[in-house]
């Protein structure tokens, strides 16, 4: 596989500590853990699509690009704080969080469902890294996140193309596709991100999922702007078989943005009360 960029393409010598936001550092550390774990997801996908060699190869290539994202983010976090040990944190994360890599069929009920779920992940990551790139003034992080976001938009295209191919066989209705998508989106509140945030930032303390999830979401949700949410909603609607830029998509974008802003404020109040 030939990657579109490597770590050597990042202008590391332009790093400017004076432009680093410490809250952003914490969510970048967590993101590095999740991205670096992609090989396990690729193993799972190769099992689910065991008789589709073309997709299996695409999944393995995808995983290597994701791992590179994690390494780049980890290296940047180490520039901010040389005491941050990316390898040690990632080892702790892998020990604390595992996925069922040996499953022989999709936990989504079908291959189409699996591909919809993967599309949702790419929607989340592409909008997330775009939001970070737009929010930060630190030039190295901005460049890393810009490159990662571009990769994630492309990965969405990879999974969407294969989704269309499998829908010809499995014919999931738009409402069923939306149900799978909603369930995968709701899983963003599960242990993975909370555990990643904990192992990257709070490893010396006992694991408290609610606390870690609250700390992550209050920092991450505050970065999103209306255009980030609107584009993400269009991609979600497209994967579900609905008009991506229609009135419903725009209306729901406004609702989601309001909910994200509300949650970020609520988590901030809870964190402040807990530390008082």
C-alpha atoms as a PDB file:
ATOM      1  CA  UNK A   1       0.000   0.000   0.000  1.00  0.00           C
ATOM      2  CA  UNK A   2       1.213   3.498  -0.840  1.00  0.00           C
ATOM      3  CA  UNK A   3       0.009   6.064   1.671  1.00  0.00           C
ATOM      4  CA  UNK A   4      -0.945   9.550   0.530  1.00  0.00           C
ATOM      5  CA  UNK A   5       1.292  11.099   3.188  1.00  0.00           C
ATOM      6  CA  UNK A   6       3.808  10.064   5.824  1.00  0.00           C
ATOM      7  CA  UNK A   7       5.108  11.495   9.081  1.00  0.00           C
ATOM      8  CA  UNK A   8       7.955  13.086   7.099  1.00  0.00           C
ATOM      9  CA  UNK A   9       5.403  15.349   5.385  1.00  0.00           C
ATOM     10  CA  UNK A  10       4.458  17.007   8.681  1.00  0.00           C
ATOM     11  CA  UNK A  11       6.317  20.303   9.388  1.00  0.00           C
ATOM     12  CA  UNK A  12       7.421  19.309  12.872  1.00  0.00           C
ATOM     13  CA  UNK A  13       9.942  22.179  13.022  1.00  0.00           C
ATOM     14  CA  UNK A  14       7.066  24.675  12.970  1.00  0.00           C
ATOM     15  CA  UNK A  15       5.710  23.534  16.344  1.00  0.00           C
ATOM     16  CA  UNK A  16       4.713  26.535  18.491  1.00  0.00           C
ATOM     17  CA  UNK A  17       4.084  25.743  22.156  1.00  0.00           C
ATOM     18  CA  UNK A  18       2.663  29.217  22.759  1.00  0.00           C
ATOM     19  CA  UNK A  19      -0.335  28.370  20.529  1.00  0.00           C
ATOM     20  CA  UNK A  20      -1.239  25.107  22.244  1.00  0.00           C
ATOM     21  CA  UNK A  21      -4.591  24.794  23.996  1.00  0.00           C
ATOM     22  CA  UNK A  22      -4.182  22.415  26.934  1.00  0.00           C
ATOM     23  CA  UNK A  23      -7.773  21.185  26.662  1.00  0.00           C
ATOM     24  CA  UNK A  24      -7.172  20.242  23.031  1.00  0.00           C
ATOM     25  CA  UNK A  25      -4.027  18.351  24.056  1.00  0.00           C
ATOM     26  CA  UNK A  26      -6.121  16.075  26.262  1.00  0.00           C
ATOM     27  CA  UNK A  27      -8.566  15.083  23.531  1.00  0.00           C
ATOM     28  CA  UNK A  28      -5.735  14.661  21.023  1.00  0.00           C
ATOM     29  CA  UNK A  29      -4.066  12.193  23.376  1.00  0.00           C
ATOM     30  CA  UNK A  30      -7.312  10.230  23.606  1.00  0.00           C
ATOM     31  CA  UNK A  31      -7.762  10.307  19.836  1.00  0.00           C
ATOM     32  CA  UNK A  32      -4.258   8.908  19.375  1.00  0.00           C
ATOM     33  CA  UNK A  33      -5.239   5.847  21.412  1.00  0.00           C
ATOM     34  CA  UNK A  34      -8.388   5.120  19.404  1.00  0.00           C
ATOM     35  CA  UNK A  35      -6.768   5.667  16.003  1.00  0.00           C
ATOM     36  CA  UNK A  36      -3.840   3.419  16.865  1.00  0.00           C
ATOM     37  CA  UNK A  37      -6.186   0.528  17.659  1.00  0.00           C
ATOM     38  CA  UNK A  38      -7.414   0.192  14.069  1.00  0.00           C
ATOM     39  CA  UNK A  39      -5.628  -3.081  13.315  1.00  0.00           C
ATOM     40  CA  UNK A  40      -8.013  -4.884  15.676  1.00  0.00           C
ATOM     41  CA  UNK A  41     -10.985  -3.455  13.786  1.00  0.00           C
ATOM     42  CA  UNK A  42      -9.396  -4.555  10.520  1.00  0.00           C
ATOM     43  CA  UNK A  43      -9.080  -8.108  11.854  1.00  0.00           C
ATOM     44  CA  UNK A  44     -12.744  -8.059  12.748  1.00  0.00           C
ATOM     45  CA  UNK A  45     -13.721  -6.711   9.323  1.00  0.00           C
ATOM     46  CA  UNK A  46     -11.599  -9.342   7.583  1.00  0.00           C
ATOM     47  CA  UNK A  47     -13.544 -12.020   9.472  1.00  0.00           C
ATOM     48  CA  UNK A  48     -16.910 -10.501   8.609  1.00  0.00           C
ATOM     49  CA  UNK A  49     -15.955 -10.160   4.914  1.00  0.00           C
ATOM     50  CA  UNK A  50     -13.889 -13.334   4.765  1.00  0.00           C
ATOM     51  CA  UNK A  51     -14.915 -14.207   1.186  1.00  0.00           C
ATOM     52  CA  UNK A  52     -14.354 -10.691  -0.195  1.00  0.00           C
ATOM     53  CA  UNK A  53     -10.581 -10.410  -0.788  1.00  0.00           C
ATOM     54  CA  UNK A  54     -10.778  -6.968  -2.372  1.00  0.00           C
ATOM     55  CA  UNK A  55     -12.548  -5.473   0.625  1.00  0.00           C
ATOM     56  CA  UNK A  56     -10.294  -7.352   3.059  1.00  0.00           C
ATOM     57  CA  UNK A  57      -7.248  -5.718   1.459  1.00  0.00           C
ATOM     58  CA  UNK A  58      -8.946  -2.321   1.549  1.00  0.00           C
ATOM     59  CA  UNK A  59      -9.700  -2.819   5.267  1.00  0.00           C
ATOM     60  CA  UNK A  60      -6.084  -3.670   6.031  1.00  0.00           C
ATOM     61  CA  UNK A  61      -4.866  -0.627   4.089  1.00  0.00           C
ATOM     62  CA  UNK A  62      -7.416   1.528   5.918  1.00  0.00           C
ATOM     63  CA  UNK A  63      -6.119   0.285   9.265  1.00  0.00           C
ATOM     64  CA  UNK A  64      -2.528   1.214   8.454  1.00  0.00           C
ATOM     65  CA  UNK A  65      -3.587   4.751   7.602  1.00  0.00           C
ATOM     66  CA  UNK A  66      -5.534   4.954  10.861  1.00  0.00           C
ATOM     67  CA  UNK A  67      -2.530   3.752  12.850  1.00  0.00           C
ATOM     68  CA  UNK A  68      -0.427   6.450  11.196  1.00  0.00           C
ATOM     69  CA  UNK A  69      -2.983   8.995  12.419  1.00  0.00           C
ATOM     70  CA  UNK A  70      -2.500   7.760  15.964  1.00  0.00           C
ATOM     71  CA  UNK A  71       1.283   7.864  15.721  1.00  0.00           C
ATOM     72  CA  UNK A  72       1.211  11.417  14.328  1.00  0.00           C
ATOM     73  CA  UNK A  73      -1.131  12.629  17.074  1.00  0.00           C
ATOM     74  CA  UNK A  74       0.950  10.858  19.719  1.00  0.00           C
ATOM     75  CA  UNK A  75       4.141  12.445  18.430  1.00  0.00           C
ATOM     76  CA  UNK A  76       2.546  15.879  18.546  1.00  0.00           C
ATOM     77  CA  UNK A  77       1.343  15.263  22.104  1.00  0.00           C
ATOM     78  CA  UNK A  78       4.924  14.331  23.039  1.00  0.00           C
ATOM     79  CA  UNK A  79       6.157  17.640  21.618  1.00  0.00           C
ATOM     80  CA  UNK A  80       3.734  19.424  23.919  1.00  0.00           C
ATOM     81  CA  UNK A  81       4.735  17.324  26.937  1.00  0.00           C
ATOM     82  CA  UNK A  82       7.918  15.222  26.628  1.00  0.00           C
ATOM     83  CA  UNK A  83       6.828  13.219  29.690  1.00  0.00           C
ATOM     84  CA  UNK A  84       3.850  11.833  27.757  1.00  0.00           C
ATOM     85  CA  UNK A  85       4.722   8.272  26.769  1.00  0.00           C
ATOM     86  CA  UNK A  86       2.572   7.391  23.770  1.00  0.00           C
ATOM     87  CA  UNK A  87       3.652   3.740  23.651  1.00  0.00           C
ATOM     88  CA  UNK A  88       3.006   3.219  27.356  1.00  0.00           C
ATOM     89  CA  UNK A  89      -0.398   4.885  27.195  1.00  0.00           C
ATOM     90  CA  UNK A  90      -1.415   2.861  24.153  1.00  0.00           C
ATOM     91  CA  UNK A  91      -0.341  -0.380  25.816  1.00  0.00           C
ATOM     92  CA  UNK A  92      -2.503   0.513  28.821  1.00  0.00           C
ATOM     93  CA  UNK A  93      -5.436   1.324  26.551  1.00  0.00           C
ATOM     94  CA  UNK A  94      -5.185  -1.999  24.711  1.00  0.00           C
ATOM     95  CA  UNK A  95      -5.119  -3.816  28.022  1.00  0.00           C
ATOM     96  CA  UNK A  96      -8.192  -1.962  29.280  1.00  0.00           C
ATOM     97  CA  UNK A  97     -10.308  -1.971  26.121  1.00  0.00           C
ATOM     98  CA  UNK A  98     -10.815  -4.833  23.672  1.00  0.00           C
ATOM     99  CA  UNK A  99     -13.183  -5.562  20.800  1.00  0.00           C
ATOM    100  CA  UNK A 100     -14.454  -9.006  19.645  1.00  0.00           C
ATOM    101  CA  UNK A 101     -11.929  -9.465  16.822  1.00  0.00           C
ATOM    102  CA  UNK A 102     -12.752 -13.161  16.426  1.00  0.00           C
ATOM    103  CA  UNK A 103     -16.428 -12.636  15.563  1.00  0.00           C
ATOM    104  CA  UNK A 104     -17.323 -14.406  12.307  1.00  0.00           C
ATOM    105  CA  UNK A 105     -20.354 -12.301  11.416  1.00  0.00           C
ATOM    106  CA  UNK A 106     -21.237  -8.650  11.826  1.00  0.00           C
ATOM    107  CA  UNK A 107     -22.575  -7.542  15.184  1.00  0.00           C
ATOM    108  CA  UNK A 108     -24.797  -5.200  13.115  1.00  0.00           C
ATOM    109  CA  UNK A 109     -26.807  -8.111  11.712  1.00  0.00           C
ATOM    110  CA  UNK A 110     -25.609  -7.874   8.110  1.00  0.00           C
ATOM    111  CA  UNK A 111     -22.671  -6.771   6.033  1.00  0.00           C
ATOM    112  CA  UNK A 112     -24.601  -3.740   4.865  1.00  0.00           C
ATOM    113  CA  UNK A 113     -25.237  -2.860   8.495  1.00  0.00           C
ATOM    114  CA  UNK A 114     -21.533  -3.207   9.235  1.00  0.00           C
ATOM    115  CA  UNK A 115     -20.651  -0.841   6.414  1.00  0.00           C
ATOM    116  CA  UNK A 116     -23.236   1.690   7.586  1.00  0.00           C
ATOM    117  CA  UNK A 117     -21.636   1.561  11.029  1.00  0.00           C
ATOM    118  CA  UNK A 118     -18.209   2.145   9.501  1.00  0.00           C
ATOM    119  CA  UNK A 119     -19.592   5.108   7.570  1.00  0.00           C
ATOM    120  CA  UNK A 120     -20.851   6.580  10.854  1.00  0.00           C
ATOM    121  CA  UNK A 121     -17.401   6.265  12.394  1.00  0.00           C
ATOM    122  CA  UNK A 122     -15.847   8.073   9.434  1.00  0.00           C
ATOM    123  CA  UNK A 123     -18.507  10.786   9.628  1.00  0.00           C
ATOM    124  CA  UNK A 124     -17.569  11.330  13.255  1.00  0.00           C
ATOM    125  CA  UNK A 125     -13.822  11.353  12.759  1.00  0.00           C
ATOM    126  CA  UNK A 126     -13.797  13.507   9.628  1.00  0.00           C
ATOM    127  CA  UNK A 127     -15.944  16.189  11.260  1.00  0.00           C
ATOM    128  CA  UNK A 128     -13.997  15.901  14.520  1.00  0.00           C
ATOM    129  CA  UNK A 129     -10.584  16.472  12.971  1.00  0.00           C
ATOM    130  CA  UNK A 130     -11.950  19.247  10.795  1.00  0.00           C
ATOM    131  CA  UNK A 131     -13.270  20.910  13.949  1.00  0.00           C
ATOM    132  CA  UNK A 132      -9.882  20.619  15.667  1.00  0.00           C
ATOM    133  CA  UNK A 133      -8.041  21.917  12.593  1.00  0.00           C
ATOM    134  CA  UNK A 134     -10.371  24.924  12.428  1.00  0.00           C
ATOM    135  CA  UNK A 135     -10.118  25.602  16.172  1.00  0.00           C
ATOM    136  CA  UNK A 136      -6.374  25.365  16.727  1.00  0.00           C
ATOM    137  CA  UNK A 137      -3.754  28.001  15.905  1.00  0.00           C
ATOM    138  CA  UNK A 138      -0.873  25.585  16.488  1.00  0.00           C
ATOM    139  CA  UNK A 139       0.498  25.028  12.958  1.00  0.00           C
ATOM    140  CA  UNK A 140       1.688  21.433  13.328  1.00  0.00           C
ATOM    141  CA  UNK A 141      -1.551  20.175  14.871  1.00  0.00           C
ATOM    142  CA  UNK A 142      -3.544  22.096  12.271  1.00  0.00           C
ATOM    143  CA  UNK A 143      -1.637  20.348   9.476  1.00  0.00           C
ATOM    144  CA  UNK A 144      -1.921  16.905  11.072  1.00  0.00           C
ATOM    145  CA  UNK A 145      -5.674  17.268  11.604  1.00  0.00           C
ATOM    146  CA  UNK A 146      -6.207  18.679   8.120  1.00  0.00           C
ATOM    147  CA  UNK A 147      -4.491  15.619   6.618  1.00  0.00           C
ATOM    148  CA  UNK A 148      -6.333  13.200   8.895  1.00  0.00           C
ATOM    149  CA  UNK A 149      -9.714  14.783   8.113  1.00  0.00           C
ATOM    150  CA  UNK A 150      -9.019  14.393   4.393  1.00  0.00           C
ATOM    151  CA  UNK A 151      -8.175  10.728   4.939  1.00  0.00           C
ATOM    152  CA  UNK A 152     -11.372  10.207   6.910  1.00  0.00           C
ATOM    153  CA  UNK A 153     -13.551  11.771   4.184  1.00  0.00           C
ATOM    154  CA  UNK A 154     -11.881   9.372   1.745  1.00  0.00           C
ATOM    155  CA  UNK A 155     -12.444   6.424   4.103  1.00  0.00           C
ATOM    156  CA  UNK A 156     -16.135   7.314   4.245  1.00  0.00           C
ATOM    157  CA  UNK A 157     -16.151   7.033   0.463  1.00  0.00           C
ATOM    158  CA  UNK A 158     -14.496   3.612   0.663  1.00  0.00           C
ATOM    159  CA  UNK A 159     -17.116   2.214   3.026  1.00  0.00           C
ATOM    160  CA  UNK A 160     -19.994   3.942   1.226  1.00  0.00           C
ATOM    161  CA  UNK A 161     -19.015   2.460  -2.143  1.00  0.00           C
ATOM    162  CA  UNK A 162     -18.907  -1.002  -0.633  1.00  0.00           C
ATOM    163  CA  UNK A 163     -22.200  -0.344   1.167  1.00  0.00           C
ATOM    164  CA  UNK A 164     -23.884   0.349  -2.165  1.00  0.00           C
ATOM    165  CA  UNK A 165     -22.458  -2.883  -3.538  1.00  0.00           C
ATOM    166  CA  UNK A 166     -23.773  -4.964  -0.623  1.00  0.00           C
ATOM    167  CA  UNK A 167     -27.148  -3.233  -0.613  1.00  0.00           C
ATOM    168  CA  UNK A 168     -27.760  -4.767  -4.026  1.00  0.00           C
ATOM    169  CA  UNK A 169     -27.731  -8.143  -2.269  1.00  0.00           C
ATOM    170  CA  UNK A 170     -29.192  -7.367   1.154  1.00  0.00           C
ATOM    171  CA  UNK A 171     -31.568  -4.482   0.339  1.00  0.00           C
ATOM    172  CA  UNK A 172     -31.812  -2.835   3.762  1.00  0.00           C
ATOM    173  CA  UNK A 173     -34.556  -0.233   3.786  1.00  0.00           C
ATOM    174  CA  UNK A 174     -33.697   3.392   4.643  1.00  0.00           C
ATOM    175  CA  UNK A 175     -35.465   3.167   8.036  1.00  0.00           C
ATOM    176  CA  UNK A 176     -33.473   0.035   8.913  1.00  0.00           C
ATOM    177  CA  UNK A 177     -30.268   1.710   7.764  1.00  0.00           C
ATOM    178  CA  UNK A 178     -31.110   4.724   9.918  1.00  0.00           C
ATOM    179  CA  UNK A 179     -31.662   2.451  12.916  1.00  0.00           C
ATOM    180  CA  UNK A 180     -28.211   0.887  12.498  1.00  0.00           C
ATOM    181  CA  UNK A 181     -26.671   4.332  12.074  1.00  0.00           C
ATOM    182  CA  UNK A 182     -28.370   5.699  15.185  1.00  0.00           C
ATOM    183  CA  UNK A 183     -27.217   2.770  17.283  1.00  0.00           C
ATOM    184  CA  UNK A 184     -23.624   3.208  16.132  1.00  0.00           C
ATOM    185  CA  UNK A 185     -23.728   6.939  16.846  1.00  0.00           C
ATOM    186  CA  UNK A 186     -25.042   6.235  20.339  1.00  0.00           C
ATOM    187  CA  UNK A 187     -22.061   3.977  20.941  1.00  0.00           C
ATOM    188  CA  UNK A 188     -19.845   7.063  20.950  1.00  0.00           C
ATOM    189  CA  UNK A 189     -20.904   7.280  24.594  1.00  0.00           C
ATOM    190  CA  UNK A 190     -19.522   3.817  25.368  1.00  0.00           C
ATOM    191  CA  UNK A 191     -16.266   2.797  27.009  1.00  0.00           C
ATOM    192  CA  UNK A 192     -13.887   3.286  24.086  1.00  0.00           C
ATOM    193  CA  UNK A 193     -13.492   7.066  24.155  1.00  0.00           C
ATOM    194  CA  UNK A 194     -13.820   7.254  27.924  1.00  0.00           C
ATOM    195  CA  UNK A 195     -11.180   4.571  28.373  1.00  0.00           C
ATOM    196  CA  UNK A 196      -8.905   6.252  25.830  1.00  0.00           C
ATOM    197  CA  UNK A 197      -9.245   9.592  27.611  1.00  0.00           C
ATOM    198  CA  UNK A 198      -8.517   7.971  30.964  1.00  0.00           C
ATOM    199  CA  UNK A 199      -5.433   6.019  29.905  1.00  0.00           C
ATOM    200  CA  UNK A 200      -4.008   9.027  28.058  1.00  0.00           C
ATOM    201  CA  UNK A 201      -4.685  11.650  30.737  1.00  0.00           C
ATOM    202  CA  UNK A 202      -5.718  10.117  34.063  1.00  0.00           C
ATOM    203  CA  UNK A 203      -3.778   6.867  34.225  1.00  0.00           C
ATOM    204  CA  UNK A 204      -2.648   7.439  37.826  1.00  0.00           C
ATOM    205  CA  UNK A 205      -6.246   7.536  39.042  1.00  0.00           C
ATOM    206  CA  UNK A 206      -8.929   4.809  39.299  1.00  0.00           C
ATOM    207  CA  UNK A 207     -11.002   4.490  36.139  1.00  0.00           C
ATOM    208  CA  UNK A 208     -14.291   6.358  36.340  1.00  0.00           C
ATOM    209  CA  UNK A 209     -16.113   5.997  33.029  1.00  0.00           C
ATOM    210  CA  UNK A 210     -18.596   8.787  33.679  1.00  0.00           C
ATOM    211  CA  UNK A 211     -15.890  11.206  34.755  1.00  0.00           C
ATOM    212  CA  UNK A 212     -13.671  10.398  31.765  1.00  0.00           C
ATOM    213  CA  UNK A 213     -16.583  10.600  29.326  1.00  0.00           C
ATOM    214  CA  UNK A 214     -17.639  13.930  30.805  1.00  0.00           C
ATOM    215  CA  UNK A 215     -14.106  15.322  30.579  1.00  0.00           C
ATOM    216  CA  UNK A 216     -13.787  14.230  26.958  1.00  0.00           C
ATOM    217  CA  UNK A 217     -17.167  15.441  25.724  1.00  0.00           C
ATOM    218  CA  UNK A 218     -17.010  18.877  27.355  1.00  0.00           C
ATOM    219  CA  UNK A 219     -13.773  19.549  25.473  1.00  0.00           C
ATOM    220  CA  UNK A 220     -14.644  17.893  22.164  1.00  0.00           C
ATOM    221  CA  UNK A 221     -18.209  19.139  21.672  1.00  0.00           C
ATOM    222  CA  UNK A 222     -17.200  22.743  22.308  1.00  0.00           C
ATOM    223  CA  UNK A 223     -15.097  22.707  19.117  1.00  0.00           C
ATOM    224  CA  UNK A 224     -17.933  22.013  16.684  1.00  0.00           C
ATOM    225  CA  UNK A 225     -19.279  24.819  14.524  1.00  0.00           C
ATOM    226  CA  UNK A 226     -22.562  24.723  12.558  1.00  0.00           C
ATOM    227  CA  UNK A 227     -20.822  23.911   9.269  1.00  0.00           C
ATOM    228  CA  UNK A 228     -19.136  20.862  10.812  1.00  0.00           C
ATOM    229  CA  UNK A 229     -22.440  19.484  12.048  1.00  0.00           C
ATOM    230  CA  UNK A 230     -24.309  20.266   8.822  1.00  0.00           C
ATOM    231  CA  UNK A 231     -21.755  18.454   6.668  1.00  0.00           C
ATOM    232  CA  UNK A 232     -21.761  15.468   9.032  1.00  0.00           C
ATOM    233  CA  UNK A 233     -25.552  15.246   8.936  1.00  0.00           C
ATOM    234  CA  UNK A 234     -25.497  15.271   5.143  1.00  0.00           C
ATOM    235  CA  UNK A 235     -23.105  12.302   5.157  1.00  0.00           C
ATOM    236  CA  UNK A 236     -25.278  10.440   7.662  1.00  0.00           C
ATOM    237  CA  UNK A 237     -28.414  11.003   5.599  1.00  0.00           C
ATOM    238  CA  UNK A 238     -26.616   9.848   2.456  1.00  0.00           C
ATOM    239  CA  UNK A 239     -25.495   6.575   4.063  1.00  0.00           C
ATOM    240  CA  UNK A 240     -29.048   5.970   5.282  1.00  0.00           C
ATOM    241  CA  UNK A 241     -30.571   6.501   1.843  1.00  0.00           C
ATOM    242  CA  UNK A 242     -32.146   9.912   2.463  1.00  0.00           C
ATOM    243  CA  UNK A 243     -31.580  13.233   0.703  1.00  0.00           C
ATOM    244  CA  UNK A 244     -28.286  14.503   2.165  1.00  0.00           C
ATOM    245  CA  UNK A 245     -28.965  18.231   1.747  1.00  0.00           C
ATOM    246  CA  UNK A 246     -32.708  18.453   2.148  1.00  0.00           C
ATOM    247  CA  UNK A 247     -34.820  20.375   4.617  1.00  0.00           C
ATOM    248  CA  UNK A 248     -34.855  17.493   7.115  1.00  0.00           C
ATOM    249  CA  UNK A 249     -31.059  17.261   7.131  1.00  0.00           C
ATOM    250  CA  UNK A 250     -30.670  20.992   7.730  1.00  0.00           C
ATOM    251  CA  UNK A 251     -33.285  21.033  10.482  1.00  0.00           C
ATOM    252  CA  UNK A 252     -31.743  18.076  12.263  1.00  0.00           C
ATOM    253  CA  UNK A 253     -28.321  19.696  11.982  1.00  0.00           C
ATOM    254  CA  UNK A 254     -29.585  22.662  13.987  1.00  0.00           C
ATOM    255  CA  UNK A 255     -31.050  20.359  16.628  1.00  0.00           C
ATOM    256  CA  UNK A 256     -27.852  18.317  16.925  1.00  0.00           C
ATOM    257  CA  UNK A 257     -25.711  21.429  17.179  1.00  0.00           C
ATOM    258  CA  UNK A 258     -27.913  22.789  19.960  1.00  0.00           C
ATOM    259  CA  UNK A 259     -27.780  19.472  21.811  1.00  0.00           C
ATOM    260  CA  UNK A 260     -23.984  19.316  21.519  1.00  0.00           C
ATOM    261  CA  UNK A 261     -23.604  22.848  22.835  1.00  0.00           C
ATOM    262  CA  UNK A 262     -25.996  22.096  25.682  1.00  0.00           C
ATOM    263  CA  UNK A 263     -24.119  18.927  26.585  1.00  0.00           C
ATOM    264  CA  UNK A 264     -20.759  20.691  26.540  1.00  0.00           C
ATOM    265  CA  UNK A 265     -22.094  23.349  28.937  1.00  0.00           C
ATOM    266  CA  UNK A 266     -23.705  20.732  31.165  1.00  0.00           C
ATOM    267  CA  UNK A 267     -20.549  18.657  31.378  1.00  0.00           C
ATOM    268  CA  UNK A 268     -18.557  21.771  32.218  1.00  0.00           C
ATOM    269  CA  UNK A 269     -20.950  22.582  35.077  1.00  0.00           C
ATOM    270  CA  UNK A 270     -20.743  19.018  36.391  1.00  0.00           C
ATOM    271  CA  UNK A 271     -16.960  19.051  36.238  1.00  0.00           C
ATOM    272  CA  UNK A 272     -16.822  22.390  38.047  1.00  0.00           C
ATOM    273  CA  UNK A 273     -19.187  21.139  40.761  1.00  0.00           C
ATOM    274  CA  UNK A 274     -17.166  17.932  41.216  1.00  0.00           C
ATOM    275  CA  UNK A 275     -13.925  19.853  41.697  1.00  0.00           C
ATOM    276  CA  UNK A 276     -15.424  22.420  44.096  1.00  0.00           C
END
